[in-house]
Amino acid sequence: MPRRIFALFFALVWLANGLGCKVLGLVPRHRAIVARILGAEHAPALTRLIGLGEIVLALWILSRWKWRWSAAAQILAVVTMNAIEFRIAPDLLLFGRWNAVVALAYVALVAYAGFLHAPATRPRP
């Protein structure tokens, strides 16, 4: 599968979650998760801020600049967010504790696309 297809898929995942779910607030569950983890007082602003970060990540992925670094950033973000949510707010997750399985599948696909499927870098002369 060409890197362009992977980039579109990954960027859509981050854009949907960042813009749709967090910035536009179309999925209130996301704000509830942030409130549970970081506190209700600042949850609206922090949820939007997290969403903006996810939009930036989507744009980075679409640029295909530093492809392996973007893959590593995605893996780190997904594993970190899901570990925290799994521990603190499993009842608010879309698939409950099974969300970890979905997250690991996504991480495996990102790792494949970012590290195994990525073209080899040419050594510098």
N, C-alpha and C. Protein backbone atom coordinates (compact mmCIF):
# COMPACT_ATOMS: atom_id res chain seq x y z
N MET A 1 0.86 -1.17 0.00
CA MET A 1 0.00 0.00 0.00
C MET A 1 0.90 1.23 0.00
N PRO A 2 0.65 2.17 -0.88
CA PRO A 2 1.51 3.36 -0.93
C PRO A 2 1.42 4.20 0.35
N ARG A 3 2.50 4.85 0.64
CA ARG A 3 2.57 5.69 1.83
C ARG A 3 1.47 6.75 1.83
N ARG A 4 1.11 7.23 0.66
CA ARG A 4 0.07 8.26 0.53
C ARG A 4 -1.27 7.76 1.11
N ILE A 5 -1.59 6.49 0.89
CA ILE A 5 -2.85 5.93 1.41
C ILE A 5 -2.79 5.84 2.94
N PHE A 6 -1.65 5.35 3.44
CA PHE A 6 -1.47 5.30 4.89
C PHE A 6 -1.60 6.71 5.47
N ALA A 7 -0.95 7.68 4.84
CA ALA A 7 -0.98 9.06 5.34
C ALA A 7 -2.40 9.59 5.38
N LEU A 8 -3.18 9.34 4.35
CA LEU A 8 -4.57 9.80 4.34
C LEU A 8 -5.39 9.15 5.46
N PHE A 9 -5.23 7.85 5.62
CA PHE A 9 -5.97 7.15 6.66
C PHE A 9 -5.60 7.66 8.05
N PHE A 10 -4.30 7.72 8.34
CA PHE A 10 -3.86 8.17 9.66
C PHE A 10 -4.29 9.61 9.92
N ALA A 11 -4.13 10.47 8.93
CA ALA A 11 -4.51 11.88 9.09
C ALA A 11 -6.02 12.01 9.35
N LEU A 12 -6.81 11.21 8.66
CA LEU A 12 -8.27 11.26 8.89
C LEU A 12 -8.63 10.84 10.31
N VAL A 13 -7.94 9.85 10.84
CA VAL A 13 -8.19 9.42 12.22
C VAL A 13 -7.92 10.58 13.18
N TRP A 14 -6.76 11.24 13.02
CA TRP A 14 -6.40 12.34 13.92
C TRP A 14 -7.28 13.56 13.70
N LEU A 15 -7.63 13.83 12.45
CA LEU A 15 -8.49 14.97 12.14
C LEU A 15 -9.89 14.77 12.70
N ALA A 16 -10.44 13.58 12.54
CA ALA A 16 -11.79 13.30 13.07
C ALA A 16 -11.81 13.45 14.58
N ASN A 17 -10.80 12.89 15.24
CA ASN A 17 -10.76 12.98 16.70
C ASN A 17 -10.43 14.39 17.18
N GLY A 18 -9.49 15.04 16.52
CA GLY A 18 -9.08 16.38 16.95
C GLY A 18 -10.10 17.44 16.63
N LEU A 19 -10.49 17.55 15.36
CA LEU A 19 -11.43 18.60 14.96
C LEU A 19 -12.87 18.25 15.35
N GLY A 20 -13.31 17.09 14.92
CA GLY A 20 -14.71 16.73 15.17
C GLY A 20 -15.05 16.49 16.63
N CYS A 21 -14.30 15.59 17.23
CA CYS A 21 -14.64 15.18 18.60
C CYS A 21 -14.24 16.20 19.66
N LYS A 22 -13.11 16.86 19.48
CA LYS A 22 -12.61 17.73 20.55
C LYS A 22 -12.81 19.21 20.29
N VAL A 23 -12.35 19.73 19.16
CA VAL A 23 -12.47 21.17 18.90
C VAL A 23 -13.93 21.56 18.70
N LEU A 24 -14.65 20.83 17.86
CA LEU A 24 -16.07 21.15 17.62
C LEU A 24 -16.99 20.56 18.69
N GLY A 25 -16.47 19.66 19.51
CA GLY A 25 -17.24 19.09 20.61
C GLY A 25 -18.39 18.20 20.17
N LEU A 26 -18.25 17.53 19.03
CA LEU A 26 -19.33 16.68 18.53
C LEU A 26 -19.51 15.40 19.34
N VAL A 27 -18.49 15.03 20.11
CA VAL A 27 -18.57 13.83 20.94
C VAL A 27 -18.25 14.25 22.38
N PRO A 28 -19.29 14.56 23.18
CA PRO A 28 -19.08 15.05 24.55
C PRO A 28 -18.27 14.10 25.45
N ARG A 29 -18.25 12.83 25.10
CA ARG A 29 -17.49 11.85 25.87
C ARG A 29 -16.02 12.24 25.97
N HIS A 30 -15.48 12.87 24.93
CA HIS A 30 -14.08 13.28 24.95
C HIS A 30 -13.82 14.32 26.03
N ARG A 31 -14.72 15.29 26.14
CA ARG A 31 -14.57 16.31 27.19
C ARG A 31 -14.72 15.68 28.56
N ALA A 32 -15.62 14.70 28.67
CA ALA A 32 -15.82 14.02 29.95
C ALA A 32 -14.56 13.26 30.37
N ILE A 33 -13.88 12.66 29.40
CA ILE A 33 -12.64 11.94 29.70
C ILE A 33 -11.58 12.93 30.19
N VAL A 34 -11.44 14.04 29.48
CA VAL A 34 -10.46 15.07 29.88
C VAL A 34 -10.81 15.61 31.27
N ALA A 35 -12.10 15.82 31.52
CA ALA A 35 -12.53 16.32 32.84
C ALA A 35 -12.16 15.34 33.94
N ARG A 36 -12.36 14.06 33.69
CA ARG A 36 -12.05 13.06 34.70
C ARG A 36 -10.55 13.01 34.97
N ILE A 37 -9.74 13.17 33.94
CA ILE A 37 -8.29 13.03 34.10
C ILE A 37 -7.64 14.33 34.57
N LEU A 38 -8.04 15.46 33.99
CA LEU A 38 -7.35 16.73 34.26
C LEU A 38 -8.18 17.73 35.07
N GLY A 39 -9.44 17.39 35.36
CA GLY A 39 -10.28 18.27 36.15
C GLY A 39 -11.34 18.97 35.31
N ALA A 40 -12.53 19.08 35.87
CA ALA A 40 -13.68 19.63 35.13
C ALA A 40 -13.55 21.12 34.84
N GLU A 41 -12.87 21.85 35.71
CA GLU A 41 -12.80 23.30 35.57
C GLU A 41 -12.16 23.73 34.24
N HIS A 42 -11.13 23.04 33.85
CA HIS A 42 -10.40 23.43 32.64
C HIS A 42 -10.64 22.48 31.47
N ALA A 43 -11.55 21.55 31.62
CA ALA A 43 -11.77 20.53 30.59
C ALA A 43 -12.14 21.10 29.22
N PRO A 44 -13.03 22.10 29.12
CA PRO A 44 -13.35 22.60 27.77
C PRO A 44 -12.13 23.15 27.03
N ALA A 45 -11.35 23.97 27.70
CA ALA A 45 -10.17 24.56 27.05
C ALA A 45 -9.11 23.50 26.76
N LEU A 46 -8.86 22.61 27.71
CA LEU A 46 -7.85 21.58 27.52
C LEU A 46 -8.26 20.59 26.43
N THR A 47 -9.55 20.29 26.34
CA THR A 47 -10.03 19.38 25.30
C THR A 47 -9.78 20.01 23.92
N ARG A 48 -10.09 21.28 23.78
CA ARG A 48 -9.83 21.97 22.51
C ARG A 48 -8.33 22.02 22.21
N LEU A 49 -7.52 22.25 23.22
CA LEU A 49 -6.07 22.30 23.04
C LEU A 49 -5.53 20.94 22.58
N ILE A 50 -6.00 19.88 23.19
CA ILE A 50 -5.61 18.53 22.77
C ILE A 50 -6.05 18.30 21.33
N GLY A 51 -7.27 18.73 21.02
CA GLY A 51 -7.77 18.61 19.65
C GLY A 51 -6.92 19.35 18.64
N LEU A 52 -6.47 20.55 18.99
CA LEU A 52 -5.58 21.31 18.11
C LEU A 52 -4.26 20.57 17.89
N GLY A 53 -3.76 19.95 18.94
CA GLY A 53 -2.55 19.14 18.81
C GLY A 53 -2.75 17.97 17.86
N GLU A 54 -3.93 17.36 17.93
CA GLU A 54 -4.23 16.25 17.03
C GLU A 54 -4.36 16.72 15.59
N ILE A 55 -4.88 17.93 15.39
CA ILE A 55 -4.98 18.50 14.03
C ILE A 55 -3.57 18.75 13.49
N VAL A 56 -2.70 19.28 14.32
CA VAL A 56 -1.31 19.51 13.90
C VAL A 56 -0.66 18.18 13.52
N LEU A 57 -0.91 17.15 14.29
CA LEU A 57 -0.36 15.83 13.98
C LEU A 57 -0.90 15.33 12.63
N ALA A 58 -2.18 15.55 12.37
CA ALA A 58 -2.78 15.16 11.08
C ALA A 58 -2.08 15.89 9.92
N LEU A 59 -1.82 17.18 10.10
CA LEU A 59 -1.14 17.94 9.05
C LEU A 59 0.29 17.45 8.83
N TRP A 60 0.96 17.12 9.93
CA TRP A 60 2.32 16.58 9.83
C TRP A 60 2.30 15.27 9.04
N ILE A 61 1.36 14.41 9.36
CA ILE A 61 1.25 13.12 8.66
C ILE A 61 1.01 13.35 7.17
N LEU A 62 0.12 14.27 6.85
CA LEU A 62 -0.18 14.55 5.44
C LEU A 62 1.04 15.10 4.69
N SER A 63 1.89 15.82 5.39
CA SER A 63 3.09 16.38 4.75
C SER A 63 4.09 15.29 4.39
N ARG A 64 4.02 14.17 5.10
CA ARG A 64 4.94 13.03 4.95
C ARG A 64 6.39 13.42 5.24
N TRP A 65 6.58 14.52 5.95
CA TRP A 65 7.90 14.97 6.37
C TRP A 65 8.32 14.18 7.60
N LYS A 66 9.52 13.68 7.61
CA LYS A 66 10.03 12.89 8.75
C LYS A 66 9.02 11.79 9.11
N TRP A 67 8.72 10.97 8.13
CA TRP A 67 7.69 9.94 8.22
C TRP A 67 7.86 9.06 9.46
N ARG A 68 9.05 8.60 9.71
CA ARG A 68 9.28 7.71 10.86
C ARG A 68 9.07 8.45 12.18
N TRP A 69 9.47 9.71 12.23
CA TRP A 69 9.25 10.50 13.45
C TRP A 69 7.76 10.70 13.70
N SER A 70 7.00 10.93 12.63
CA SER A 70 5.55 11.10 12.81
C SER A 70 4.91 9.79 13.27
N ALA A 71 5.42 8.68 12.77
CA ALA A 71 4.91 7.38 13.22
C ALA A 71 5.22 7.17 14.71
N ALA A 72 6.43 7.52 15.11
CA ALA A 72 6.80 7.39 16.52
C ALA A 72 5.94 8.29 17.40
N ALA A 73 5.67 9.50 16.93
CA ALA A 73 4.83 10.43 17.69
C ALA A 73 3.41 9.88 17.84
N GLN A 74 2.87 9.30 16.77
CA GLN A 74 1.54 8.71 16.84
C GLN A 74 1.50 7.56 17.85
N ILE A 75 2.48 6.69 17.76
CA ILE A 75 2.53 5.54 18.66
C ILE A 75 2.61 6.01 20.10
N LEU A 76 3.49 6.96 20.37
CA LEU A 76 3.64 7.49 21.73
C LEU A 76 2.33 8.11 22.21
N ALA A 77 1.67 8.89 21.36
CA ALA A 77 0.42 9.55 21.74
C ALA A 77 -0.68 8.53 22.02
N VAL A 78 -0.84 7.56 21.14
CA VAL A 78 -1.91 6.57 21.30
C VAL A 78 -1.68 5.72 22.54
N VAL A 79 -0.46 5.25 22.73
CA VAL A 79 -0.16 4.40 23.89
C VAL A 79 -0.33 5.19 25.18
N THR A 80 0.16 6.42 25.22
CA THR A 80 0.04 7.24 26.43
C THR A 80 -1.42 7.55 26.75
N MET A 81 -2.14 8.06 25.75
CA MET A 81 -3.55 8.42 25.99
C MET A 81 -4.37 7.21 26.42
N ASN A 82 -4.17 6.10 25.74
CA ASN A 82 -4.97 4.92 26.07
C ASN A 82 -4.60 4.31 27.40
N ALA A 83 -3.34 4.35 27.77
CA ALA A 83 -2.94 3.83 29.09
C ALA A 83 -3.59 4.65 30.20
N ILE A 84 -3.57 5.97 30.05
CA ILE A 84 -4.18 6.84 31.06
C ILE A 84 -5.69 6.63 31.11
N GLU A 85 -6.32 6.61 29.94
CA GLU A 85 -7.77 6.42 29.89
C GLU A 85 -8.19 5.05 30.40
N PHE A 86 -7.43 4.03 30.07
CA PHE A 86 -7.70 2.66 30.52
C PHE A 86 -7.70 2.60 32.05
N ARG A 87 -6.80 3.33 32.64
CA ARG A 87 -6.66 3.32 34.11
C ARG A 87 -7.68 4.20 34.81
N ILE A 88 -7.95 5.39 34.26
CA ILE A 88 -8.76 6.39 34.97
C ILE A 88 -10.21 6.47 34.50
N ALA A 89 -10.46 6.24 33.21
CA ALA A 89 -11.82 6.45 32.69
C ALA A 89 -12.29 5.35 31.75
N PRO A 90 -12.13 4.07 32.10
CA PRO A 90 -12.52 3.01 31.17
C PRO A 90 -14.02 3.02 30.84
N ASP A 91 -14.83 3.48 31.79
CA ASP A 91 -16.27 3.51 31.57
C ASP A 91 -16.70 4.54 30.53
N LEU A 92 -15.84 5.49 30.22
CA LEU A 92 -16.16 6.52 29.24
C LEU A 92 -15.64 6.20 27.84
N LEU A 93 -14.84 5.16 27.71
CA LEU A 93 -14.27 4.80 26.41
C LEU A 93 -15.33 4.16 25.53
N LEU A 94 -15.20 4.35 24.23
CA LEU A 94 -16.17 3.84 23.27
C LEU A 94 -16.38 2.33 23.40
N PHE A 95 -15.31 1.58 23.55
CA PHE A 95 -15.39 0.13 23.68
C PHE A 95 -15.00 -0.34 25.08
N GLY A 96 -15.05 0.55 26.05
CA GLY A 96 -14.64 0.19 27.40
C GLY A 96 -13.18 -0.23 27.42
N ARG A 97 -12.88 -1.25 28.18
CA ARG A 97 -11.49 -1.72 28.26
C ARG A 97 -11.03 -2.37 26.95
N TRP A 98 -11.98 -2.76 26.10
CA TRP A 98 -11.64 -3.31 24.79
C TRP A 98 -11.02 -2.23 23.88
N ASN A 99 -11.13 -0.99 24.27
CA ASN A 99 -10.50 0.09 23.51
C ASN A 99 -9.00 -0.16 23.35
N ALA A 100 -8.41 -0.83 24.32
CA ALA A 100 -6.98 -1.13 24.26
C ALA A 100 -6.66 -2.01 23.04
N VAL A 101 -7.56 -2.90 22.70
CA VAL A 101 -7.34 -3.77 21.54
C VAL A 101 -7.35 -2.95 20.25
N VAL A 102 -8.32 -2.03 20.15
CA VAL A 102 -8.40 -1.15 18.98
C VAL A 102 -7.15 -0.28 18.90
N ALA A 103 -6.73 0.26 20.03
CA ALA A 103 -5.54 1.11 20.07
C ALA A 103 -4.30 0.34 19.64
N LEU A 104 -4.15 -0.88 20.13
CA LEU A 104 -2.98 -1.69 19.76
C LEU A 104 -3.00 -2.06 18.28
N ALA A 105 -4.18 -2.29 17.72
CA ALA A 105 -4.28 -2.57 16.28
C ALA A 105 -3.84 -1.34 15.48
N TYR A 106 -4.27 -0.16 15.92
CA TYR A 106 -3.87 1.08 15.25
C TYR A 106 -2.36 1.27 15.36
N VAL A 107 -1.81 1.06 16.55
CA VAL A 107 -0.36 1.19 16.77
C VAL A 107 0.40 0.21 15.88
N ALA A 108 -0.10 -1.01 15.75
CA ALA A 108 0.56 -2.01 14.89
C ALA A 108 0.57 -1.54 13.43
N LEU A 109 -0.54 -0.99 12.97
CA LEU A 109 -0.61 -0.50 11.60
C LEU A 109 0.34 0.69 11.39
N VAL A 110 0.37 1.60 12.35
CA VAL A 110 1.29 2.75 12.26
C VAL A 110 2.74 2.27 12.26
N ALA A 111 3.05 1.30 13.11
CA ALA A 111 4.42 0.77 13.17
C ALA A 111 4.79 0.11 11.84
N TYR A 112 3.86 -0.64 11.27
CA TYR A 112 4.12 -1.28 9.98
C TYR A 112 4.38 -0.20 8.92
N ALA A 113 3.48 0.76 8.82
CA ALA A 113 3.59 1.80 7.79
C ALA A 113 4.80 2.70 8.02
N GLY A 114 5.09 2.97 9.27
CA GLY A 114 6.16 3.92 9.58
C GLY A 114 7.55 3.34 9.57
N PHE A 115 7.66 2.05 9.90
CA PHE A 115 8.99 1.48 10.05
C PHE A 115 9.28 0.31 9.12
N LEU A 116 8.31 -0.54 8.89
CA LEU A 116 8.55 -1.71 8.06
C LEU A 116 8.27 -1.43 6.59
N HIS A 117 7.24 -0.65 6.33
CA HIS A 117 6.85 -0.35 4.95
C HIS A 117 7.58 0.87 4.41
N ALA A 118 8.16 1.66 5.27
CA ALA A 118 8.84 2.89 4.85
C ALA A 118 10.04 2.55 3.99
N PRO A 119 10.27 3.34 2.95
CA PRO A 119 11.45 3.08 2.12
C PRO A 119 12.74 3.30 2.92
N ALA A 120 13.73 2.54 2.58
CA ALA A 120 15.01 2.67 3.28
C ALA A 120 15.62 4.03 2.97
N THR A 121 16.23 4.60 3.97
CA THR A 121 16.89 5.90 3.76
C THR A 121 18.25 5.63 3.12
N ARG A 122 18.63 6.51 2.23
CA ARG A 122 19.93 6.39 1.56
C ARG A 122 21.03 6.92 2.47
N PRO A 123 22.13 6.22 2.55
CA PRO A 123 23.23 6.75 3.37
C PRO A 123 23.82 7.99 2.71
N ARG A 124 24.25 8.90 3.53
CA ARG A 124 24.88 10.13 3.03
C ARG A 124 26.29 9.82 2.54
N PRO A 125 26.70 10.47 1.45
CA PRO A 125 28.06 10.22 0.93
C PRO A 125 29.13 10.75 1.86
